[in-house]
Every structure is written in structure tokens, then in C-alpha cells.
PDB file of all heavy atoms in Angstrom:
ATOM      1  N   LYS A   1      91.839  81.144 252.193  1.00  0.00           N
ATOM      2  CA  LYS A   1      92.528  79.865 252.136  1.00  0.00           C
ATOM      3  C   LYS A   1      92.478  79.076 253.412  1.00  0.00           C
ATOM      4  O   LYS A   1      92.537  77.831 253.383  1.00  0.00           O
ATOM      5  CB  LYS A   1      94.014  80.031 251.706  1.00  0.00           C
ATOM      6  CG  LYS A   1      94.852  80.923 252.658  1.00  0.00           C
ATOM      7  CD  LYS A   1      96.210  81.163 252.091  1.00  0.00           C
ATOM      8  CE  LYS A   1      96.905  82.227 252.940  1.00  0.00           C
ATOM      9  NZ  LYS A   1      98.081  82.793 252.283  1.00  0.00           N
ATOM     10  N   ASP A   2      92.343  79.711 254.573  1.00  0.00           N
ATOM     11  CA  ASP A   2      92.250  78.993 255.842  1.00  0.00           C
ATOM     12  C   ASP A   2      90.824  78.900 256.402  1.00  0.00           C
ATOM     13  O   ASP A   2      90.627  78.359 257.489  1.00  0.00           O
ATOM     14  CB  ASP A   2      93.107  79.708 256.870  1.00  0.00           C
ATOM     15  CG  ASP A   2      94.577  79.652 256.535  1.00  0.00           C
ATOM     16  OD1 ASP A   2      95.038  78.653 255.929  1.00  0.00           O
ATOM     17  OD2 ASP A   2      95.325  80.640 256.794  1.00  0.00           O
ATOM     18  N   ALA A   3      89.862  79.428 255.651  1.00  0.00           N
ATOM     19  CA  ALA A   3      88.473  79.478 256.162  1.00  0.00           C
ATOM     20  C   ALA A   3      87.801  78.129 256.010  1.00  0.00           C
ATOM     21  O   ALA A   3      88.071  77.380 255.080  1.00  0.00           O
ATOM     22  CB  ALA A   3      87.689  80.538 255.350  1.00  0.00           C
ATOM     23  N   ASP A   4      86.894  77.884 256.977  1.00  0.00           N
ATOM     24  CA  ASP A   4      86.012  76.748 256.868  1.00  0.00           C
ATOM     25  C   ASP A   4      84.776  77.052 256.062  1.00  0.00           C
ATOM     26  O   ASP A   4      84.187  76.188 255.440  1.00  0.00           O
ATOM     27  CB  ASP A   4      85.620  76.244 258.274  1.00  0.00           C
ATOM     28  CG  ASP A   4      86.806  75.649 259.014  1.00  0.00           C
ATOM     29  OD1 ASP A   4      87.324  74.626 258.592  1.00  0.00           O
ATOM     30  OD2 ASP A   4      87.215  76.243 260.036  1.00  0.00           O
ATOM     31  N   ILE A   5      84.371  78.344 256.162  1.00  0.00           N
ATOM     32  CA  ILE A   5      83.249  78.837 255.332  1.00  0.00           C
ATOM     33  C   ILE A   5      83.477  80.296 255.040  1.00  0.00           C
ATOM     34  O   ILE A   5      84.037  81.033 255.890  1.00  0.00           O
ATOM     35  CB  ILE A   5      81.873  78.582 256.047  1.00  0.00           C
ATOM     36  CG1 ILE A   5      80.720  78.898 255.125  1.00  0.00           C
ATOM     37  CG2 ILE A   5      81.810  79.347 257.323  1.00  0.00           C
ATOM     38  CD1 ILE A   5      79.348  78.435 255.659  1.00  0.00           C
ATOM     39  N   ILE A   6      83.061  80.731 253.836  1.00  0.00           N
ATOM     40  CA  ILE A   6      83.186  82.121 253.401  1.00  0.00           C
ATOM     41  C   ILE A   6      81.770  82.608 253.126  1.00  0.00           C
ATOM     42  O   ILE A   6      81.120  82.022 252.323  1.00  0.00           O
ATOM     43  CB  ILE A   6      84.111  82.258 252.200  1.00  0.00           C
ATOM     44  CG1 ILE A   6      85.509  81.670 252.484  1.00  0.00           C
ATOM     45  CG2 ILE A   6      84.149  83.711 251.711  1.00  0.00           C
ATOM     46  CD1 ILE A   6      86.386  81.446 251.216  1.00  0.00           C
ATOM     47  N   LEU A   7      81.414  83.682 253.755  1.00  0.00           N
ATOM     48  CA  LEU A   7      80.040  84.232 253.575  1.00  0.00           C
ATOM     49  C   LEU A   7      80.188  85.644 252.963  1.00  0.00           C
ATOM     50  O   LEU A   7      80.948  86.476 253.426  1.00  0.00           O
ATOM     51  CB  LEU A   7      79.316  84.293 254.925  1.00  0.00           C
ATOM     52  CG  LEU A   7      79.163  83.016 255.675  1.00  0.00           C
ATOM     53  CD1 LEU A   7      78.557  83.290 257.077  1.00  0.00           C
ATOM     54  CD2 LEU A   7      78.310  82.054 254.908  1.00  0.00           C
ATOM     55  N   LEU A   8      79.420  85.863 251.905  1.00  0.00           N
ATOM     56  CA  LEU A   8      79.428  87.157 251.220  1.00  0.00           C
ATOM     57  C   LEU A   8      78.224  87.966 251.574  1.00  0.00           C
ATOM     58  O   LEU A   8      77.112  87.439 251.640  1.00  0.00           O
ATOM     59  CB  LEU A   8      79.426  86.949 249.733  1.00  0.00           C
ATOM     60  CG  LEU A   8      80.799  86.686 249.025  1.00  0.00           C
ATOM     61  CD1 LEU A   8      81.380  85.325 249.497  1.00  0.00           C
ATOM     62  CD2 LEU A   8      80.660  86.739 247.537  1.00  0.00           C
ATOM     63  N   GLY A   9      78.449  89.253 251.802  1.00  0.00           N
ATOM     64  CA  GLY A   9      77.344  90.199 252.028  1.00  0.00           C
ATOM     65  C   GLY A   9      76.518  90.305 250.786  1.00  0.00           C
ATOM     66  O   GLY A   9      77.064  90.189 249.656  1.00  0.00           O
ATOM     67  N   PRO A  10      75.226  90.548 250.913  1.00  0.00           N
ATOM     68  CA  PRO A  10      74.341  90.659 249.721  1.00  0.00           C
ATOM     69  C   PRO A  10      74.785  91.689 248.689  1.00  0.00           C
ATOM     70  O   PRO A  10      74.522  91.550 247.516  1.00  0.00           O
ATOM     71  CB  PRO A  10      72.982  91.015 250.305  1.00  0.00           C
ATOM     72  CG  PRO A  10      73.081  90.638 251.748  1.00  0.00           C
ATOM     73  CD  PRO A  10      74.496  90.760 252.152  1.00  0.00           C
ATOM     74  N   GLN A  11      75.430  92.769 249.171  1.00  0.00           N
ATOM     75  CA  GLN A  11      75.822  93.806 248.232  1.00  0.00           C
ATOM     76  C   GLN A  11      76.897  93.420 247.248  1.00  0.00           C
ATOM     77  O   GLN A  11      77.169  94.069 246.273  1.00  0.00           O
ATOM     78  CB  GLN A  11      76.217  95.110 248.991  1.00  0.00           C
ATOM     79  CG  GLN A  11      77.556  95.013 249.750  1.00  0.00           C
ATOM     80  CD  GLN A  11      77.478  94.371 251.109  1.00  0.00           C
ATOM     81  OE1 GLN A  11      76.667  93.534 251.381  1.00  0.00           O
ATOM     82  NE2 GLN A  11      78.389  94.753 252.011  1.00  0.00           N
ATOM     83  N   ILE A  12      77.585  92.253 247.532  1.00  0.00           N
ATOM     84  CA  ILE A  12      78.583  91.773 246.621  1.00  0.00           C
ATOM     85  C   ILE A  12      78.216  90.397 246.060  1.00  0.00           C
ATOM     86  O   ILE A  12      79.093  89.612 245.656  1.00  0.00           O
ATOM     87  CB  ILE A  12      79.968  91.771 247.222  1.00  0.00           C
ATOM     88  CG1 ILE A  12      80.047  90.890 248.478  1.00  0.00           C
ATOM     89  CG2 ILE A  12      80.475  93.211 247.594  1.00  0.00           C
ATOM     90  CD1 ILE A  12      81.438  90.483 248.921  1.00  0.00           C
ATOM     91  N   GLN A  13      76.942  90.109 245.961  1.00  0.00           N
ATOM     92  CA  GLN A  13      76.501  88.839 245.426  1.00  0.00           C
ATOM     93  C   GLN A  13      77.056  88.520 244.050  1.00  0.00           C
ATOM     94  O   GLN A  13      77.288  87.379 243.694  1.00  0.00           O
ATOM     95  CB  GLN A  13      74.976  88.706 245.456  1.00  0.00           C
ATOM     96  CG  GLN A  13      74.263  89.699 244.570  1.00  0.00           C
ATOM     97  CD  GLN A  13      72.779  89.584 244.726  1.00  0.00           C
ATOM     98  OE1 GLN A  13      72.260  88.470 245.022  1.00  0.00           O
ATOM     99  NE2 GLN A  13      72.042  90.684 244.534  1.00  0.00           N
ATOM    100  N   PHE A  14      77.329  89.586 243.285  1.00  0.00           N
ATOM    101  CA  PHE A  14      77.890  89.397 241.919  1.00  0.00           C
ATOM    102  C   PHE A  14      79.289  88.832 241.936  1.00  0.00           C
ATOM    103  O   PHE A  14      79.843  88.360 240.936  1.00  0.00           O
ATOM    104  CB  PHE A  14      77.859  90.738 241.153  1.00  0.00           C
ATOM    105  CG  PHE A  14      78.730  91.806 241.751  1.00  0.00           C
ATOM    106  CD1 PHE A  14      80.024  91.984 241.321  1.00  0.00           C
ATOM    107  CD2 PHE A  14      78.230  92.630 242.762  1.00  0.00           C
ATOM    108  CE1 PHE A  14      80.835  92.931 241.920  1.00  0.00           C
ATOM    109  CE2 PHE A  14      79.024  93.624 243.298  1.00  0.00           C
ATOM    110  CZ  PHE A  14      80.336  93.783 242.889  1.00  0.00           C
ATOM    111  N   GLN A  15      79.945  88.810 243.147  1.00  0.00           N
ATOM    112  CA  GLN A  15      81.288  88.273 243.294  1.00  0.00           C
ATOM    113  C   GLN A  15      81.303  86.815 243.641  1.00  0.00           C
ATOM    114  O   GLN A  15      82.395  86.200 243.781  1.00  0.00           O
ATOM    115  CB  GLN A  15      82.019  89.076 244.381  1.00  0.00           C
ATOM    116  CG  GLN A  15      82.227  90.549 244.092  1.00  0.00           C
ATOM    117  CD  GLN A  15      83.499  90.785 243.242  1.00  0.00           C
ATOM    118  OE1 GLN A  15      84.100  89.842 242.717  1.00  0.00           O
ATOM    119  NE2 GLN A  15      83.880  92.013 243.178  1.00  0.00           N
ATOM    120  N   LEU A  16      80.137  86.195 243.862  1.00  0.00           N
ATOM    121  CA  LEU A  16      80.080  84.867 244.370  1.00  0.00           C
ATOM    122  C   LEU A  16      80.882  83.854 243.543  1.00  0.00           C
ATOM    123  O   LEU A  16      81.729  83.085 244.069  1.00  0.00           O
ATOM    124  CB  LEU A  16      78.603  84.376 244.440  1.00  0.00           C
ATOM    125  CG  LEU A  16      78.354  83.000 244.984  1.00  0.00           C
ATOM    126  CD1 LEU A  16      78.794  82.878 246.455  1.00  0.00           C
ATOM    127  CD2 LEU A  16      76.883  82.602 244.837  1.00  0.00           C
ATOM    128  N   GLU A  17      80.685  83.846 242.239  1.00  0.00           N
ATOM    129  CA  GLU A  17      81.380  82.843 241.364  1.00  0.00           C
ATOM    130  C   GLU A  17      82.892  83.148 241.354  1.00  0.00           C
ATOM    131  O   GLU A  17      83.695  82.184 241.307  1.00  0.00           O
ATOM    132  CB  GLU A  17      80.820  82.859 239.958  1.00  0.00           C
ATOM    133  CG  GLU A  17      79.390  82.291 239.940  1.00  0.00           C
ATOM    134  CD  GLU A  17      79.248  80.931 240.510  1.00  0.00           C
ATOM    135  OE1 GLU A  17      80.102  80.030 240.255  1.00  0.00           O
ATOM    136  OE2 GLU A  17      78.288  80.691 241.274  1.00  0.00           O
ATOM    137  N   ARG A  18      83.274  84.391 241.357  1.00  0.00           N
ATOM    138  CA  ARG A  18      84.733  84.695 241.392  1.00  0.00           C
ATOM    139  C   ARG A  18      85.376  84.211 242.656  1.00  0.00           C
ATOM    140  O   ARG A  18      86.433  83.620 242.640  1.00  0.00           O
ATOM    141  CB  ARG A  18      84.918  86.222 241.260  1.00  0.00           C
ATOM    142  CG  ARG A  18      86.407  86.611 241.152  1.00  0.00           C
ATOM    143  CD  ARG A  18      86.600  88.100 241.083  1.00  0.00           C
ATOM    144  NE  ARG A  18      86.516  88.774 242.342  1.00  0.00           N
ATOM    145  CZ  ARG A  18      87.477  88.807 243.218  1.00  0.00           C
ATOM    146  NH1 ARG A  18      88.609  88.200 243.020  1.00  0.00           N
ATOM    147  NH2 ARG A  18      87.316  89.429 244.389  1.00  0.00           N
ATOM    148  N   VAL A  19      84.704  84.425 243.792  1.00  0.00           N
ATOM    149  CA  VAL A  19      85.263  83.935 245.055  1.00  0.00           C
ATOM    150  C   VAL A  19      85.328  82.425 245.118  1.00  0.00           C
ATOM    151  O   VAL A  19      86.299  81.863 245.598  1.00  0.00           O
ATOM    152  CB  VAL A  19      84.467  84.523 246.246  1.00  0.00           C
ATOM    153  CG1 VAL A  19      84.947  83.927 247.586  1.00  0.00           C
ATOM    154  CG2 VAL A  19      84.604  86.084 246.340  1.00  0.00           C
ATOM    155  N   LYS A  20      84.314  81.794 244.580  1.00  0.00           N
ATOM    156  CA  LYS A  20      84.369  80.307 244.523  1.00  0.00           C
ATOM    157  C   LYS A  20      85.556  79.808 243.655  1.00  0.00           C
ATOM    158  O   LYS A  20      86.202  78.839 244.031  1.00  0.00           O
ATOM    159  CB  LYS A  20      83.047  79.760 243.878  1.00  0.00           C
ATOM    160  CG  LYS A  20      81.857  79.742 244.832  1.00  0.00           C
ATOM    161  CD  LYS A  20      80.652  79.208 244.118  1.00  0.00           C
ATOM    162  CE  LYS A  20      79.481  79.146 245.099  1.00  0.00           C
ATOM    163  NZ  LYS A  20      78.316  78.517 244.442  1.00  0.00           N
ATOM    164  N   LYS A  21      85.843  80.531 242.599  1.00  0.00           N
ATOM    165  CA  LYS A  21      86.982  80.122 241.753  1.00  0.00           C
ATOM    166  C   LYS A  21      88.321  80.378 242.422  1.00  0.00           C
ATOM    167  O   LYS A  21      89.263  79.558 242.273  1.00  0.00           O
ATOM    168  CB  LYS A  21      86.961  80.921 240.457  1.00  0.00           C
ATOM    169  CG  LYS A  21      85.929  80.396 239.514  1.00  0.00           C
ATOM    170  CD  LYS A  21      85.900  81.195 238.209  1.00  0.00           C
ATOM    171  CE  LYS A  21      84.732  80.739 237.311  1.00  0.00           C
ATOM    172  NZ  LYS A  21      84.529  81.604 236.169  1.00  0.00           N
ATOM    173  N   ILE A  22      88.464  81.443 243.194  1.00  0.00           N
ATOM    174  CA  ILE A  22      89.752  81.716 243.820  1.00  0.00           C
ATOM    175  C   ILE A  22      89.916  81.015 245.175  1.00  0.00           C
ATOM    176  O   ILE A  22      91.033  80.987 245.710  1.00  0.00           O
ATOM    177  CB  ILE A  22      90.018  83.247 243.933  1.00  0.00           C
ATOM    178  CG1 ILE A  22      89.007  83.937 244.846  1.00  0.00           C
ATOM    179  CG2 ILE A  22      90.105  83.893 242.583  1.00  0.00           C
ATOM    180  CD1 ILE A  22      89.306  85.406 245.068  1.00  0.00           C
ATOM    181  N   CYS A  23      88.834  80.405 245.650  1.00  0.00           N
ATOM    182  CA  CYS A  23      88.881  79.615 246.911  1.00  0.00           C
ATOM    183  C   CYS A  23      88.337  78.250 246.646  1.00  0.00           C
ATOM    184  O   CYS A  23      87.291  77.857 247.275  1.00  0.00           O
ATOM    185  CB  CYS A  23      88.110  80.339 248.008  1.00  0.00           C
ATOM    186  SG  CYS A  23      88.712  82.004 248.456  1.00  0.00           S
ATOM    187  N   PRO A  24      89.003  77.457 245.770  1.00  0.00           N
ATOM    188  CA  PRO A  24      88.432  76.136 245.458  1.00  0.00           C
ATOM    189  C   PRO A  24      88.384  75.252 246.673  1.00  0.00           C
ATOM    190  O   PRO A  24      89.248  75.278 247.550  1.00  0.00           O
ATOM    191  CB  PRO A  24      89.450  75.604 244.396  1.00  0.00           C
ATOM    192  CG  PRO A  24      90.694  76.375 244.642  1.00  0.00           C
ATOM    193  CD  PRO A  24      90.262  77.732 245.167  1.00  0.00           C
ATOM    194  N   GLY A  25      87.322  74.443 246.718  1.00  0.00           N
ATOM    195  CA  GLY A  25      87.140  73.476 247.817  1.00  0.00           C
ATOM    196  C   GLY A  25      86.603  74.068 249.072  1.00  0.00           C
ATOM    197  O   GLY A  25      86.384  73.374 250.061  1.00  0.00           O
ATOM    198  N   LYS A  26      86.343  75.384 249.046  1.00  0.00           N
ATOM    199  CA  LYS A  26      85.726  76.059 250.256  1.00  0.00           C
ATOM    200  C   LYS A  26      84.268  76.218 250.096  1.00  0.00           C
ATOM    201  O   LYS A  26      83.760  76.320 248.961  1.00  0.00           O
ATOM    202  CB  LYS A  26      86.369  77.444 250.474  1.00  0.00           C
ATOM    203  CG  LYS A  26      87.874  77.406 250.649  1.00  0.00           C
ATOM    204  CD  LYS A  26      88.242  76.722 251.924  1.00  0.00           C
ATOM    205  CE  LYS A  26      89.734  76.673 252.133  1.00  0.00           C
ATOM    206  NZ  LYS A  26      90.110  76.052 253.423  1.00  0.00           N
ATOM    207  N   ILE A  27      83.546  76.222 251.178  1.00  0.00           N
ATOM    208  CA  ILE A  27      82.129  76.542 251.129  1.00  0.00           C
ATOM    209  C   ILE A  27      82.024  78.059 251.038  1.00  0.00           C
ATOM    210  O   ILE A  27      82.531  78.808 251.874  1.00  0.00           O
ATOM    211  CB  ILE A  27      81.416  76.040 252.419  1.00  0.00           C
ATOM    212  CG1 ILE A  27      81.514  74.529 252.540  1.00  0.00           C
ATOM    213  CG2 ILE A  27      79.932  76.494 252.423  1.00  0.00           C
ATOM    214  CD1 ILE A  27      81.049  73.986 253.912  1.00  0.00           C
ATOM    215  N   VAL A  28      81.380  78.521 249.951  1.00  0.00           N
ATOM    216  CA  VAL A  28      81.241  79.979 249.725  1.00  0.00           C
ATOM    217  C   VAL A  28      79.740  80.187 249.435  1.00  0.00           C
ATOM    218  O   VAL A  28      79.181  79.640 248.540  1.00  0.00           O
ATOM    219  CB  VAL A  28      82.090  80.417 248.515  1.00  0.00           C
ATOM    220  CG1 VAL A  28      81.912  81.928 248.304  1.00  0.00           C
ATOM    221  CG2 VAL A  28      83.543  80.054 248.645  1.00  0.00           C
ATOM    222  N   GLU A  29      79.168  81.018 250.272  1.00  0.00           N
ATOM    223  CA  GLU A  29      77.700  81.306 250.162  1.00  0.00           C
ATOM    224  C   GLU A  29      77.381  82.751 250.417  1.00  0.00           C
ATOM    225  O   GLU A  29      78.205  83.509 251.022  1.00  0.00           O
ATOM    226  CB  GLU A  29      76.953  80.446 251.172  1.00  0.00           C
ATOM    227  CG  GLU A  29      77.107  78.978 250.985  1.00  0.00           C
ATOM    228  CD  GLU A  29      76.202  78.193 251.911  1.00  0.00           C
ATOM    229  OE1 GLU A  29      75.674  78.787 252.929  1.00  0.00           O
ATOM    230  OE2 GLU A  29      76.047  76.975 251.704  1.00  0.00           O
ATOM    231  N   LEU A  30      76.200  83.147 250.003  1.00  0.00           N
ATOM    232  CA  LEU A  30      75.721  84.473 250.294  1.00  0.00           C
ATOM    233  C   LEU A  30      75.003  84.449 251.653  1.00  0.00           C
ATOM    234  O   LEU A  30      74.380  83.482 252.030  1.00  0.00           O
ATOM    235  CB  LEU A  30      74.665  84.913 249.269  1.00  0.00           C
ATOM    236  CG  LEU A  30      75.162  85.102 247.822  1.00  0.00           C
ATOM    237  CD1 LEU A  30      74.014  85.413 246.922  1.00  0.00           C
ATOM    238  CD2 LEU A  30      76.167  86.230 247.760  1.00  0.00           C
ATOM    239  N   ILE A  31      75.178  85.508 252.392  1.00  0.00           N
ATOM    240  CA  ILE A  31      74.426  85.684 253.644  1.00  0.00           C
ATOM    241  C   ILE A  31      72.969  86.021 253.306  1.00  0.00           C
ATOM    242  O   ILE A  31      72.720  86.843 252.430  1.00  0.00           O
ATOM    243  CB  ILE A  31      75.030  86.855 254.510  1.00  0.00           C
ATOM    244  CG1 ILE A  31      76.500  86.567 254.838  1.00  0.00           C
ATOM    245  CG2 ILE A  31      74.184  87.025 255.772  1.00  0.00           C
ATOM    246  CD1 ILE A  31      77.222  87.711 255.427  1.00  0.00           C
ATOM    247  N   ASN A  32      72.072  85.370 253.939  1.00  0.00           N
ATOM    248  CA  ASN A  32      70.654  85.638 253.751  1.00  0.00           C
ATOM    249  C   ASN A  32      70.386  87.117 253.893  1.00  0.00           C
ATOM    250  O   ASN A  32      70.787  87.704 254.908  1.00  0.00           O
ATOM    251  CB  ASN A  32      69.834  84.831 254.781  1.00  0.00           C
ATOM    252  CG  ASN A  32      68.369  85.079 254.690  1.00  0.00           C
ATOM    253  OD1 ASN A  32      67.879  86.141 255.138  1.00  0.00           O
ATOM    254  ND2 ASN A  32      67.599  84.172 254.119  1.00  0.00           N
ATOM    255  N   ILE A  33      69.732  87.713 252.923  1.00  0.00           N
ATOM    256  CA  ILE A  33      69.542  89.186 252.920  1.00  0.00           C
ATOM    257  C   ILE A  33      68.737  89.697 254.108  1.00  0.00           C
ATOM    258  O   ILE A  33      69.027  90.716 254.666  1.00  0.00           O
ATOM    259  CB  ILE A  33      68.942  89.649 251.567  1.00  0.00           C
ATOM    260  CG1 ILE A  33      69.082  91.166 251.460  1.00  0.00           C
ATOM    261  CG2 ILE A  33      67.544  89.169 251.401  1.00  0.00           C
ATOM    262  CD1 ILE A  33      68.903  91.674 250.071  1.00  0.00           C
TER     263      ILE A  33
END
């Protein structure tokens, strides 16, 4: 909620859409593998 950007490790790439939904308006991306 307080993040300017949220980066996900490649091992949880399947969580990307879920994190985007629970953190609306935030930049949420995968870290380059």
C-alpha cells in the first residue's frame, strides 16, 4: 500500500495478476529473470 513500485521474483510470476488486484494503482512488475 505504501510502495512506489512492487517487484516480484520470477519464482512467483503466477502471482502477478493477484498482486496487481490487491495493490490497485501501484506499479507491479516481474524482476527480469
